[in-house]
């Protein structure tokens, strides 16, 4: 991870302009111009990009500590000529007055989980047996969580939300004055469109005209001889009995 990347993230997180960055460098004993700071903040593939050295980055971080915590009595600490992620991490922790749990919460907000024992190993002395080097991924997630926290709580965002709510209220107020006196006036309600009613039709339904004709029913033959007949004609059984009887 480059020093320029850390500078860019801190600038955008705390909404510092070039003049503020110059002032923080001056607190750490580094005299720079806004033009030089602007070249530090450019992307790596930009032709005007200028690398920020470790000594310059250490002076900026010392000034950042004074900006956030105030200047202490006595001589200022000397800026390092060689930096690594552990030193940058420790200086940011001091500047923002963070405890271990605060850092773990920031990492969790960036969807990066870590144990407390693993975190404290980054802030030990290099000759300690439990010392561990801080990888770029850990410092990057810490800066991402820091940016989320301070961007959500920043004055600029709250001011923009206030201006948006104020503008919405003014629009409603003007619309009310314009339509005052009209009955049932709702300026923000669009008229409903009349939609045609859709009648469901069963595709298997057939009208009566198209229905198939009923089959003719066969005449029922009654075998009960004692039942009265509606006609004078003999029944089928009687006719068969008369024809089969012998002649006298």
Protein backbone atom coordinates (compact mmCIF):
# COMPACT_ATOMS: atom_id res chain seq x y z
CA UNK A 1 0.00 0.00 0.00
CA UNK A 2 1.43 3.40 -1.01
CA UNK A 3 1.57 6.54 1.13
CA UNK A 4 -0.43 8.38 -1.52
CA UNK A 5 -3.32 5.93 -1.12
CA UNK A 6 -3.46 6.59 2.64
CA UNK A 7 -3.36 10.36 2.02
CA UNK A 8 -6.26 10.14 -0.44
CA UNK A 9 -8.41 8.11 1.93
CA UNK A 10 -7.78 10.45 4.86
CA UNK A 11 -8.52 13.49 2.74
CA UNK A 12 -11.87 12.14 1.49
CA UNK A 13 -12.82 10.71 4.90
CA UNK A 14 -12.41 14.01 6.75
CA UNK A 15 -13.29 16.23 3.78
CA UNK A 16 -10.00 18.15 3.80
CA UNK A 17 -9.18 20.57 1.00
CA UNK A 18 -5.66 21.33 -0.26
CA UNK A 19 -5.21 24.25 2.14
CA UNK A 20 -6.14 22.06 5.11
CA UNK A 21 -3.69 19.38 4.00
CA UNK A 22 -0.94 22.02 3.79
CA UNK A 23 -1.79 23.23 7.31
CA UNK A 24 -1.62 19.68 8.73
CA UNK A 25 1.78 19.15 7.09
CA UNK A 26 2.97 22.42 8.67
CA UNK A 27 1.95 21.15 12.11
CA UNK A 28 4.30 18.21 11.57
CA UNK A 29 7.16 20.43 10.45
CA UNK A 30 6.74 19.95 6.69
CA UNK A 31 6.41 23.00 4.44
CA UNK A 32 4.63 22.17 1.20
CA UNK A 33 2.57 23.99 -1.42
CA UNK A 34 -1.03 23.20 -2.46
CA UNK A 35 0.27 22.27 -5.91
CA UNK A 36 2.53 19.58 -4.43
CA UNK A 37 -0.28 18.22 -2.27
CA UNK A 38 -2.47 18.07 -5.35
CA UNK A 39 0.10 15.91 -7.15
CA UNK A 40 0.20 13.54 -4.16
CA UNK A 41 -3.56 13.04 -4.35
CA UNK A 42 -3.66 12.14 -8.03
CA UNK A 43 -4.13 8.53 -9.14
CA UNK A 44 -1.11 6.34 -9.76
CA UNK A 45 -1.61 6.24 -13.53
CA UNK A 46 -1.87 10.04 -13.83
CA UNK A 47 1.14 11.66 -15.59
CA UNK A 48 1.23 14.41 -12.93
CA UNK A 49 1.39 11.87 -10.08
CA UNK A 50 4.22 12.42 -7.56
CA UNK A 51 5.13 9.82 -4.94
CA UNK A 52 4.95 10.87 -1.28
CA UNK A 53 8.06 9.70 0.55
CA UNK A 54 8.05 7.94 3.91
CA UNK A 55 9.58 10.95 5.69
CA UNK A 56 6.94 13.30 4.25
CA UNK A 57 4.17 10.86 5.16
CA UNK A 58 5.51 10.56 8.74
CA UNK A 59 5.51 14.36 9.08
CA UNK A 60 1.94 14.55 7.81
CA UNK A 61 0.80 11.87 10.29
CA UNK A 62 2.54 13.72 13.16
CA UNK A 63 0.68 16.85 12.13
CA UNK A 64 -2.53 14.81 11.92
CA UNK A 65 -2.04 13.73 15.55
CA UNK A 66 -1.59 17.37 16.61
CA UNK A 67 -4.68 18.36 14.60
CA UNK A 68 -6.85 15.75 16.34
CA UNK A 69 -5.33 15.61 19.84
CA UNK A 70 -3.66 19.00 20.25
CA UNK A 71 0.02 19.80 20.74
CA UNK A 72 1.67 18.45 23.87
CA UNK A 73 4.26 20.26 25.97
CA UNK A 74 7.85 19.60 25.05
CA UNK A 75 9.57 18.84 21.76
CA UNK A 76 7.61 17.20 18.96
CA UNK A 77 8.50 13.58 18.12
CA UNK A 78 10.90 13.13 15.24
CA UNK A 79 9.43 11.88 11.97
CA UNK A 80 10.57 8.47 10.77
CA UNK A 81 12.48 8.08 7.52
CA UNK A 82 11.12 4.56 6.90
CA UNK A 83 7.47 3.63 7.35
CA UNK A 84 5.46 0.42 7.26
CA UNK A 85 1.81 -0.43 7.78
CA UNK A 86 2.30 -1.03 11.53
CA UNK A 87 3.66 2.50 12.10
CA UNK A 88 0.93 4.10 10.01
CA UNK A 89 -1.72 2.05 11.82
CA UNK A 90 -0.34 3.05 15.24
CA UNK A 91 -0.19 6.75 14.36
CA UNK A 92 -3.80 6.71 13.13
CA UNK A 93 -4.88 4.95 16.31
CA UNK A 94 -3.19 7.66 18.43
CA UNK A 95 -4.56 10.52 16.34
CA UNK A 96 -8.17 9.30 16.51
CA UNK A 97 -7.89 8.18 20.16
CA UNK A 98 -9.14 4.67 19.38
CA UNK A 99 -9.13 1.66 21.64
CA UNK A 100 -8.86 -1.91 20.38
CA UNK A 101 -12.62 -2.46 20.42
CA UNK A 102 -13.16 0.69 18.33
CA UNK A 103 -10.79 -0.65 15.69
CA UNK A 104 -12.48 -4.05 15.71
CA UNK A 105 -15.85 -2.35 15.20
CA UNK A 106 -14.50 -0.35 12.26
CA UNK A 107 -13.10 -3.51 10.69
CA UNK A 108 -16.42 -5.28 11.22
CA UNK A 109 -18.26 -2.43 9.49
CA UNK A 110 -16.03 -3.15 6.50
CA UNK A 111 -17.01 -6.86 6.74
CA UNK A 112 -13.59 -7.90 8.06
CA UNK A 113 -13.52 -9.89 11.32
CA UNK A 114 -10.47 -10.13 13.56
CA UNK A 115 -9.69 -11.18 17.12
CA UNK A 116 -8.41 -8.79 19.77
CA UNK A 117 -5.22 -10.76 20.39
CA UNK A 118 -4.44 -10.70 16.69
CA UNK A 119 -4.99 -6.93 16.57
CA UNK A 120 -2.75 -6.10 19.54
CA UNK A 121 0.13 -7.91 17.85
CA UNK A 122 0.30 -5.08 15.27
CA UNK A 123 1.07 -2.47 17.95
CA UNK A 124 3.88 -4.33 19.71
CA UNK A 125 7.56 -3.57 19.26
CA UNK A 126 9.26 -5.32 16.35
CA UNK A 127 11.54 -7.29 18.69
CA UNK A 128 8.58 -8.70 20.66
CA UNK A 129 7.91 -12.41 20.16
CA UNK A 130 4.21 -11.77 19.42
CA UNK A 131 4.86 -8.93 16.95
CA UNK A 132 3.10 -9.34 13.63
CA UNK A 133 3.33 -7.36 10.41
CA UNK A 134 0.17 -5.57 9.30
CA UNK A 135 -0.87 -6.57 5.81
CA UNK A 136 -2.27 -4.17 3.22
CA UNK A 137 -5.70 -5.83 3.39
CA UNK A 138 -6.08 -5.06 7.10
CA UNK A 139 -5.04 -1.41 6.82
CA UNK A 140 -7.22 -0.97 3.74
CA UNK A 141 -10.30 -2.35 5.53
CA UNK A 142 -9.59 -0.15 8.54
CA UNK A 143 -9.51 2.95 6.32
CA UNK A 144 -12.70 1.80 4.60
CA UNK A 145 -14.51 1.38 7.93
CA UNK A 146 -13.17 4.76 9.07
CA UNK A 147 -14.51 6.40 5.92
CA UNK A 148 -17.94 4.79 6.40
CA UNK A 149 -18.18 6.03 9.98
CA UNK A 150 -17.09 9.61 9.37
CA UNK A 151 -18.96 9.96 6.07
CA UNK A 152 -22.25 8.94 7.70
CA UNK A 153 -21.66 11.27 10.66
CA UNK A 154 -20.15 14.15 8.70
CA UNK A 155 -21.60 17.67 8.80
CA UNK A 156 -21.64 17.85 5.01
CA UNK A 157 -24.00 14.88 4.69
CA UNK A 158 -26.33 16.18 7.40
CA UNK A 159 -26.36 19.59 5.70
CA UNK A 160 -27.23 18.04 2.34
CA UNK A 161 -30.05 16.02 3.91
CA UNK A 162 -31.39 19.18 5.55
CA UNK A 163 -31.30 21.09 2.26
CA UNK A 164 -33.12 18.25 0.48
CA UNK A 165 -35.88 18.15 3.12
CA UNK A 166 -36.15 21.94 3.05
CA UNK A 167 -36.48 21.99 -0.74
CA UNK A 168 -39.19 19.32 -0.63
CA UNK A 169 -41.13 21.34 1.94
CA UNK A 170 -40.86 24.52 -0.15
CA UNK A 171 -42.16 22.70 -3.23
CA UNK A 172 -45.20 21.46 -1.32
CA UNK A 173 -45.79 24.93 0.08
CA UNK A 174 -45.70 26.56 -3.37
CA UNK A 175 -48.01 23.90 -4.78
CA UNK A 176 -50.50 24.48 -1.95
CA UNK A 177 -50.54 28.25 -2.58
CA UNK A 178 -51.04 27.72 -6.29
CA UNK A 179 -53.99 25.37 -5.82
CA UNK A 180 -55.53 27.10 -2.81
CA UNK A 181 -59.31 27.40 -3.00
CA UNK A 182 -59.80 24.54 -5.43
CA UNK A 183 -61.92 21.69 -4.09
CA UNK A 184 -60.21 18.38 -3.37
CA UNK A 185 -56.88 19.61 -4.63
CA UNK A 186 -54.00 17.22 -4.25
CA UNK A 187 -50.99 18.62 -6.16
CA UNK A 188 -48.84 15.52 -5.84
CA UNK A 189 -51.56 12.98 -6.61
CA UNK A 190 -51.79 11.86 -10.21
CA UNK A 191 -55.29 11.14 -11.55
CA UNK A 192 -56.14 7.50 -11.84
CA UNK A 193 -56.58 6.10 -15.31
CA UNK A 194 -59.83 4.30 -15.99
CA UNK A 195 -59.00 0.75 -16.83
CA UNK A 196 -61.30 -1.56 -18.76
CA UNK A 197 -62.79 -4.45 -16.85
CA UNK A 198 -61.45 -7.78 -17.94
CA UNK A 199 -64.06 -10.55 -18.04
CA UNK A 200 -62.68 -14.02 -17.68
CA UNK A 201 -63.85 -16.51 -20.28
CA UNK A 202 -63.49 -20.21 -19.80
CA UNK A 203 -61.91 -21.61 -22.99
CA UNK A 204 -63.57 -25.02 -22.41
CA UNK A 205 -67.08 -23.56 -22.18
CA UNK A 206 -69.31 -24.17 -25.20
CA UNK A 207 -72.63 -22.36 -25.76
CA UNK A 208 -75.86 -24.35 -26.01
CA UNK A 209 -76.21 -23.83 -29.79
CA UNK A 210 -72.95 -25.63 -30.37
CA UNK A 211 -73.78 -28.43 -27.95
CA UNK A 212 -74.08 -31.95 -29.32
CA UNK A 213 -77.69 -33.26 -29.84
CA UNK A 214 -78.94 -35.68 -27.25
CA UNK A 215 -79.29 -39.32 -28.27
CA UNK A 216 -82.81 -40.66 -28.78
CA UNK A 217 -83.92 -42.77 -25.85
CA UNK A 218 -85.20 -46.28 -26.49
CA UNK A 219 -88.77 -47.18 -25.54
CA UNK A 220 -88.98 -49.17 -22.34
CA UNK A 221 -90.74 -52.57 -22.53
CA UNK A 222 -92.95 -53.32 -19.55
CA UNK A 223 -93.29 -56.98 -18.49
CA UNK A 224 -96.10 -56.31 -16.00
CA UNK A 225 -99.34 -57.68 -17.55
CA UNK A 226 -101.62 -56.43 -14.80
CA UNK A 227 -100.70 -52.75 -15.35
CA UNK A 228 -103.29 -50.75 -17.25
CA UNK A 229 -102.39 -49.84 -20.77
CA UNK A 230 -102.69 -46.33 -22.06
CA UNK A 231 -103.69 -47.61 -25.57
CA UNK A 232 -105.93 -50.35 -26.98
CA UNK A 233 -103.10 -52.00 -28.84
CA UNK A 234 -101.87 -55.23 -27.25
CA UNK A 235 -98.42 -55.20 -25.86
CA UNK A 236 -95.56 -57.08 -27.41
CA UNK A 237 -95.77 -59.89 -24.87
CA UNK A 238 -99.52 -60.33 -25.48
CA UNK A 239 -99.09 -60.44 -29.22
CA UNK A 240 -96.42 -63.06 -28.86
CA UNK A 241 -98.63 -65.17 -26.50
CA UNK A 242 -101.65 -64.97 -28.85
CA UNK A 243 -99.68 -66.06 -31.87
CA UNK A 244 -98.03 -68.92 -30.05
CA UNK A 245 -101.28 -70.40 -28.63
CA UNK A 246 -102.69 -73.48 -30.51
CA UNK A 247 -105.86 -73.15 -32.58
CA UNK A 248 -109.07 -74.76 -31.43
